[in-house]
Amino acid sequence: MSIQIPQPVLKNRMIPQILAVIKDDVKGGSKMKCHEVDYEIFGDDMQTVEVELDPGETVIAEAGAMNWMEDGISFETKMGDGSKPEKGLFGKLLDSGKRAITGESIFITHFINRGAGKKRVAFGAPYPGKIIPVNMAEIGGELLCQKDAFLCAALGTEVSIAFNQKLGVGFFGGEGFILQRLRGDGMAFIHAGGTIVKKELRNETIRVDTGCIVGFEPRIDYDIERAGNLKSMFFGGEGLFLATLSGTGTVYMQSLPFSRMADRILQHAPSAGGKDRGEGSVLGGIGRLLDGK
């Protein structure tokens, strides 16, 4: 005798799949696959990245980062990165508010190739340093980086924020409580000052000046520790605390944080009370006196 299985039991078999979809949507939202873009980086210390777009492809960038673009590329400023097309107005406003917390513009510019062939658009670094191309698919699809590191990325990349859970890191870490979070499976480009060093940790720990961290994978444990004894902390010149990065994954570090460069410029700027080092001839100094400098 055959037994008929009630229809509700059959429907219950779908519950695990439905819960998995809901969990994924809560965790990161439904995501679109990133566009596949080609690129070329020009320059040394003031670099520019030129992104090549096929017809219909799009790249997103920070407002004001564009240097030039070829005919056929149009751009539009939006309140969102476009990684979740189904998101409503409230969600876009929320994302914009998060970006405002990091000190970034609430708008992201979308550049799309509406021409018939391949077209190029270029983006420049805002201060001396290096542009780092990151293949998000190769590092697990997620990267945590300093607040102003993001430059541009293929459409589909999610640009959001992450909060440090540890109170000590928030107060004494160079990046504070808030970091930028990049998610996706395409190319993303970040910028940092000076020379960039990429470290691959293999269940190791590295100690870094808190301002020299550019980015790291989320599986890396980020914490801080006291910089030696009291004499070293106050007179060593390395700050009161050092960051410790532990685990297995990729870490990016910079040799010249922008804050350090800005402090040095202000320290030696005569208009800000700095000392004139006597560059140039005596006549040059007389000229500055006459100018009131």
Protein backbone atom coordinates (compact mmCIF):
# COMPACT_ATOMS: atom_id res chain seq x y z
CA MET A 1 0.00 0.00 0.00
CA SER A 2 1.46 3.36 -1.03
CA ILE A 3 1.55 6.16 1.50
CA GLN A 4 0.93 9.71 0.41
CA ILE A 5 3.33 12.21 2.00
CA PRO A 6 1.47 15.35 3.03
CA GLN A 7 2.33 18.42 0.96
CA PRO A 8 3.42 20.53 3.99
CA VAL A 9 6.16 17.97 4.72
CA LEU A 10 7.50 18.42 1.18
CA LYS A 11 7.50 22.17 1.65
CA ASN A 12 9.44 21.84 4.88
CA ARG A 13 12.33 20.37 2.93
CA MET A 14 12.87 23.83 1.47
CA ILE A 15 13.24 25.51 4.87
CA PRO A 16 17.05 25.03 5.15
CA GLN A 17 17.56 26.55 1.70
CA ILE A 18 15.25 29.47 2.50
CA LEU A 19 17.03 30.11 5.81
CA ALA A 20 20.39 30.04 4.03
CA VAL A 21 19.20 32.69 1.57
CA ILE A 22 17.86 34.86 4.39
CA LYS A 23 21.09 34.49 6.37
CA ASP A 24 23.18 35.50 3.36
CA ASP A 25 20.95 38.52 2.72
CA VAL A 26 21.22 39.67 6.35
CA LYS A 27 24.98 39.17 6.42
CA GLY A 28 25.91 40.97 3.26
CA GLY A 29 22.82 41.42 1.15
CA SER A 30 22.31 39.97 -2.31
CA LYS A 31 25.36 40.81 -4.35
CA MET A 32 25.92 41.15 -8.06
CA LYS A 33 28.95 39.68 -9.77
CA CYS A 34 31.57 42.34 -10.38
CA HIS A 35 32.33 43.52 -13.89
CA GLU A 36 35.62 42.24 -15.31
CA VAL A 37 37.84 45.21 -16.12
CA ASP A 38 41.38 45.54 -17.43
CA TYR A 39 43.76 48.20 -16.15
CA GLU A 40 47.20 49.77 -16.45
CA ILE A 41 49.04 51.81 -13.81
CA PHE A 42 51.23 54.75 -14.86
CA GLY A 43 53.82 56.68 -12.88
CA ASP A 44 55.86 56.06 -9.78
CA ASP A 45 55.10 58.30 -6.80
CA MET A 46 52.05 60.15 -8.18
CA GLN A 47 50.37 57.26 -9.92
CA THR A 48 47.36 57.04 -12.18
CA VAL A 49 45.36 53.91 -12.93
CA GLU A 50 43.72 53.69 -16.36
CA VAL A 51 40.77 51.28 -16.45
CA GLU A 52 39.66 49.75 -19.75
CA LEU A 53 35.92 49.16 -20.09
CA ASP A 54 34.13 46.99 -22.61
CA PRO A 55 30.78 48.28 -23.92
CA GLY A 56 28.30 48.34 -21.02
CA GLU A 57 30.92 47.89 -18.31
CA THR A 58 31.08 50.25 -15.34
CA VAL A 59 33.68 51.31 -12.81
CA ILE A 60 32.88 53.18 -9.59
CA ALA A 61 35.18 55.77 -8.00
CA GLU A 62 35.46 58.32 -5.25
CA ALA A 63 34.04 61.72 -6.20
CA GLY A 64 36.75 63.86 -7.79
CA ALA A 65 39.18 60.98 -8.48
CA MET A 66 38.80 60.99 -12.28
CA ASN A 67 41.71 62.42 -14.34
CA TRP A 68 40.53 61.85 -17.92
CA MET A 69 38.19 59.67 -19.94
CA GLU A 70 37.76 58.81 -23.60
CA ASP A 71 34.78 59.80 -25.71
CA GLY A 72 31.95 57.31 -25.26
CA ILE A 73 32.19 57.09 -21.48
CA SER A 74 29.48 58.82 -19.47
CA PHE A 75 29.34 59.29 -15.73
CA GLU A 76 26.67 59.69 -13.10
CA THR A 77 26.94 60.51 -9.40
CA LYS A 78 24.87 58.24 -7.18
CA MET A 79 24.24 57.64 -3.48
CA GLY A 80 25.51 54.09 -3.56
CA ASP A 81 28.07 51.73 -5.05
CA GLY A 82 25.54 49.84 -7.19
CA SER A 83 26.40 46.46 -5.68
CA LYS A 84 22.76 45.94 -4.59
CA PRO A 85 20.53 47.26 -7.39
CA GLU A 86 17.36 46.22 -5.55
CA LYS A 87 18.12 48.43 -2.54
CA GLY A 88 15.56 51.17 -1.95
CA LEU A 89 16.00 54.84 -1.15
CA PHE A 90 16.20 54.28 2.61
CA GLY A 91 18.98 51.72 2.19
CA LYS A 92 20.94 54.05 -0.07
CA LEU A 93 20.57 56.90 2.43
CA LEU A 94 21.81 54.60 5.19
CA ASP A 95 24.87 53.61 3.14
CA SER A 96 25.58 57.26 2.40
CA GLY A 97 25.39 58.04 6.10
CA LYS A 98 27.92 55.32 6.84
CA ARG A 99 30.31 56.78 4.26
CA ALA A 100 29.89 60.21 5.82
CA ILE A 101 31.04 58.74 9.16
CA THR A 102 34.34 57.70 7.55
CA GLY A 103 34.89 61.26 6.28
CA GLU A 104 34.28 60.31 2.64
CA SER A 105 31.85 61.92 0.21
CA ILE A 106 28.33 60.52 0.43
CA PHE A 107 28.34 60.16 -3.35
CA ILE A 108 30.10 57.64 -5.59
CA THR A 109 30.60 58.34 -9.30
CA HIS A 110 29.70 55.60 -11.80
CA PHE A 111 31.55 55.60 -15.15
CA ILE A 112 29.94 53.47 -17.88
CA ASN A 113 31.12 52.75 -21.40
CA ARG A 114 28.22 53.58 -23.69
CA GLY A 115 30.34 53.47 -26.83
CA ALA A 116 30.81 50.74 -29.42
CA GLY A 117 34.35 49.65 -28.55
CA LYS A 118 36.75 49.53 -25.63
CA LYS A 119 37.15 52.84 -23.80
CA ARG A 120 39.46 54.01 -21.03
CA VAL A 121 39.00 56.19 -17.96
CA ALA A 122 41.81 57.19 -15.58
CA PHE A 123 41.85 57.91 -11.86
CA GLY A 124 44.61 59.67 -9.94
CA ALA A 125 46.01 59.33 -6.46
CA PRO A 126 45.22 62.28 -4.14
CA TYR A 127 48.74 62.51 -2.64
CA PRO A 128 52.20 60.94 -3.21
CA GLY A 129 52.14 57.20 -2.83
CA LYS A 130 51.16 54.02 -4.64
CA ILE A 131 47.98 52.60 -6.14
CA ILE A 132 47.44 48.98 -5.13
CA PRO A 133 45.46 46.72 -7.49
CA VAL A 134 43.61 44.09 -5.47
CA ASN A 135 41.93 41.08 -7.05
CA MET A 136 39.17 40.57 -4.49
CA ALA A 137 38.48 37.01 -5.67
CA GLU A 138 42.05 35.98 -4.78
CA ILE A 139 41.85 37.19 -1.17
CA GLY A 140 38.47 35.71 -0.26
CA GLY A 141 36.26 38.56 -1.46
CA GLU A 142 36.74 40.97 1.45
CA LEU A 143 39.33 43.53 2.55
CA LEU A 144 39.45 45.90 5.53
CA CYS A 145 41.41 49.09 4.90
CA GLN A 146 42.05 52.57 6.26
CA LYS A 147 39.21 55.06 5.94
CA ASP A 148 40.47 57.02 2.91
CA ALA A 149 42.15 54.15 1.03
CA PHE A 150 39.46 53.36 -1.57
CA LEU A 151 40.07 54.89 -5.01
CA CYS A 152 37.97 52.96 -7.55
CA ALA A 153 36.64 49.47 -8.30
CA ALA A 154 34.66 47.42 -10.79
CA LEU A 155 30.89 47.74 -10.52
CA GLY A 156 29.57 45.14 -8.10
CA THR A 157 32.12 45.93 -5.40
CA GLU A 158 30.47 46.85 -2.12
CA VAL A 159 32.05 49.81 -0.30
CA SER A 160 30.92 49.99 3.32
CA ILE A 161 32.33 50.44 6.82
CA ALA A 162 33.45 48.10 9.57
CA PHE A 163 33.63 48.79 13.29
CA ASN A 164 36.48 47.63 15.51
CA GLN A 165 34.99 45.50 18.24
CA LYS A 166 37.85 46.02 20.71
CA LEU A 167 37.73 49.14 22.83
CA GLY A 168 41.52 49.50 23.01
CA VAL A 169 41.92 49.34 19.25
CA GLY A 170 39.23 51.97 18.84
CA PHE A 171 40.85 54.44 21.21
CA PHE A 172 44.55 53.86 20.51
CA GLY A 173 44.69 52.30 17.04
CA GLY A 174 45.63 54.67 14.25
CA GLU A 175 42.40 53.96 12.36
CA GLY A 176 40.05 54.39 15.34
CA PHE A 177 36.80 52.46 15.53
CA ILE A 178 35.94 52.71 11.83
CA LEU A 179 37.53 51.01 8.84
CA GLN A 180 36.44 50.73 5.22
CA ARG A 181 35.20 47.31 4.10
CA LEU A 182 35.43 46.26 0.45
CA ARG A 183 33.52 43.19 -0.72
CA GLY A 184 33.38 41.67 -4.19
CA ASP A 185 34.99 39.30 -6.66
CA GLY A 186 36.52 41.79 -9.12
CA MET A 187 39.31 44.36 -9.22
CA ALA A 188 39.50 47.10 -6.59
CA PHE A 189 42.13 49.83 -6.33
CA ILE A 190 43.28 51.38 -3.06
CA HIS A 191 45.83 54.12 -2.44
CA ALA A 192 48.35 54.72 0.33
CA GLY A 193 51.37 56.93 1.00
CA GLY A 194 55.03 56.28 0.29
CA THR A 195 56.13 52.74 -0.55
CA ILE A 196 53.65 49.86 -0.20
CA VAL A 197 54.72 46.50 1.20
CA LYS A 198 52.56 43.39 0.89
CA LYS A 199 53.06 40.74 3.58
CA GLU A 200 51.69 37.22 3.54
CA LEU A 201 51.34 36.04 7.14
CA ARG A 202 51.40 32.29 7.80
CA ASN A 203 50.14 31.92 11.33
CA GLU A 204 52.53 34.73 12.28
CA THR A 205 52.43 38.03 14.13
CA ILE A 206 53.80 41.36 12.93
CA ARG A 207 53.98 44.61 14.91
CA VAL A 208 53.30 47.79 12.97
CA ASP A 209 53.08 51.50 13.66
CA THR A 210 49.35 52.16 13.96
CA GLY A 211 49.34 54.68 11.11
CA CYS A 212 51.23 52.43 8.67
CA ILE A 213 48.47 49.87 8.20
CA VAL A 214 46.77 50.14 4.81
CA GLY A 215 44.59 47.06 4.72
CA PHE A 216 44.27 43.41 5.73
CA GLU A 217 42.00 40.43 5.31
CA PRO A 218 39.22 40.09 7.90
CA ARG A 219 40.62 36.76 9.13
CA ILE A 220 43.68 38.66 10.42
CA ASP A 221 43.37 39.52 14.12
CA TYR A 222 43.95 43.25 14.71
CA ASP A 223 44.95 44.38 18.19
CA ILE A 224 47.28 46.87 19.91
CA GLU A 225 50.00 46.60 22.54
CA ARG A 226 52.09 48.99 24.58
CA ALA A 227 55.28 50.16 22.86
CA GLY A 228 57.85 48.87 25.35
CA ASN A 229 58.51 50.40 28.76
CA LEU A 230 57.55 53.91 29.84
CA LYS A 231 60.82 55.44 28.60
CA SER A 232 60.37 53.87 25.17
CA MET A 233 56.73 54.96 25.02
CA PHE A 234 57.40 58.63 25.74
CA PHE A 235 60.88 59.16 24.27
CA GLY A 236 61.27 56.47 21.63
CA GLY A 237 59.47 58.44 18.94
CA GLU A 238 57.37 55.44 17.88
CA GLY A 239 54.21 56.47 19.71
CA LEU A 240 52.61 54.98 22.78
CA PHE A 241 51.14 51.89 21.11
CA LEU A 242 51.90 49.49 18.29
CA ALA A 243 49.40 47.48 16.25
CA THR A 244 49.70 43.71 16.19
CA LEU A 245 48.45 41.76 13.18
CA SER A 246 48.22 38.01 13.75
CA GLY A 247 47.05 34.97 11.82
CA THR A 248 47.14 33.84 8.22
CA GLY A 249 46.36 36.19 5.36
CA THR A 250 47.41 39.27 3.40
CA VAL A 251 48.49 42.55 4.99
CA TYR A 252 49.30 45.84 3.18
CA MET A 253 51.51 48.45 4.86
CA GLN A 254 52.64 51.96 3.90
CA SER A 255 55.91 53.73 4.64
CA LEU A 256 54.50 57.28 4.74
CA PRO A 257 51.01 57.81 6.20
CA PHE A 258 49.42 61.02 4.96
CA SER A 259 49.04 62.32 8.53
CA ARG A 260 52.77 61.97 9.11
CA MET A 261 53.57 63.81 5.88
CA ALA A 262 51.10 66.59 6.69
CA ASP A 263 52.57 67.02 10.18
CA ARG A 264 56.08 67.36 8.76
CA ILE A 265 54.95 69.95 6.19
CA LEU A 266 53.16 72.01 8.83
CA GLN A 267 56.13 71.73 11.17
CA HIS A 268 58.44 73.39 8.63
CA ALA A 269 55.98 75.80 7.01
CA PRO A 270 57.03 79.41 7.88
CA SER A 271 53.44 80.61 7.59
CA ALA A 272 52.46 78.14 10.33
CA GLY A 273 55.30 79.07 12.67
CA GLY A 274 57.87 76.67 11.26
CA LYS A 275 61.54 77.51 10.89
CA ASP A 276 63.07 78.59 7.57
CA ARG A 277 65.90 76.19 6.82
CA GLY A 278 67.63 78.73 4.56
CA GLU A 279 67.04 76.99 1.25
CA GLY A 280 68.39 78.98 -1.69
CA SER A 281 70.55 82.08 -1.67
CA VAL A 282 70.71 85.04 0.70
CA LEU A 283 68.76 87.06 -1.84
CA GLY A 284 65.99 84.51 -1.61
CA GLY A 285 65.71 85.12 2.13
CA ILE A 286 65.68 88.89 1.60
CA GLY A 287 62.92 88.47 -0.96
CA ARG A 288 60.80 86.53 1.51
CA LEU A 289 61.31 89.27 4.11
CA LEU A 290 60.12 91.88 1.64
CA ASP A 291 57.10 89.74 0.84
CA GLY A 292 56.28 89.46 4.53
CA LYS A 293 56.94 85.71 4.65
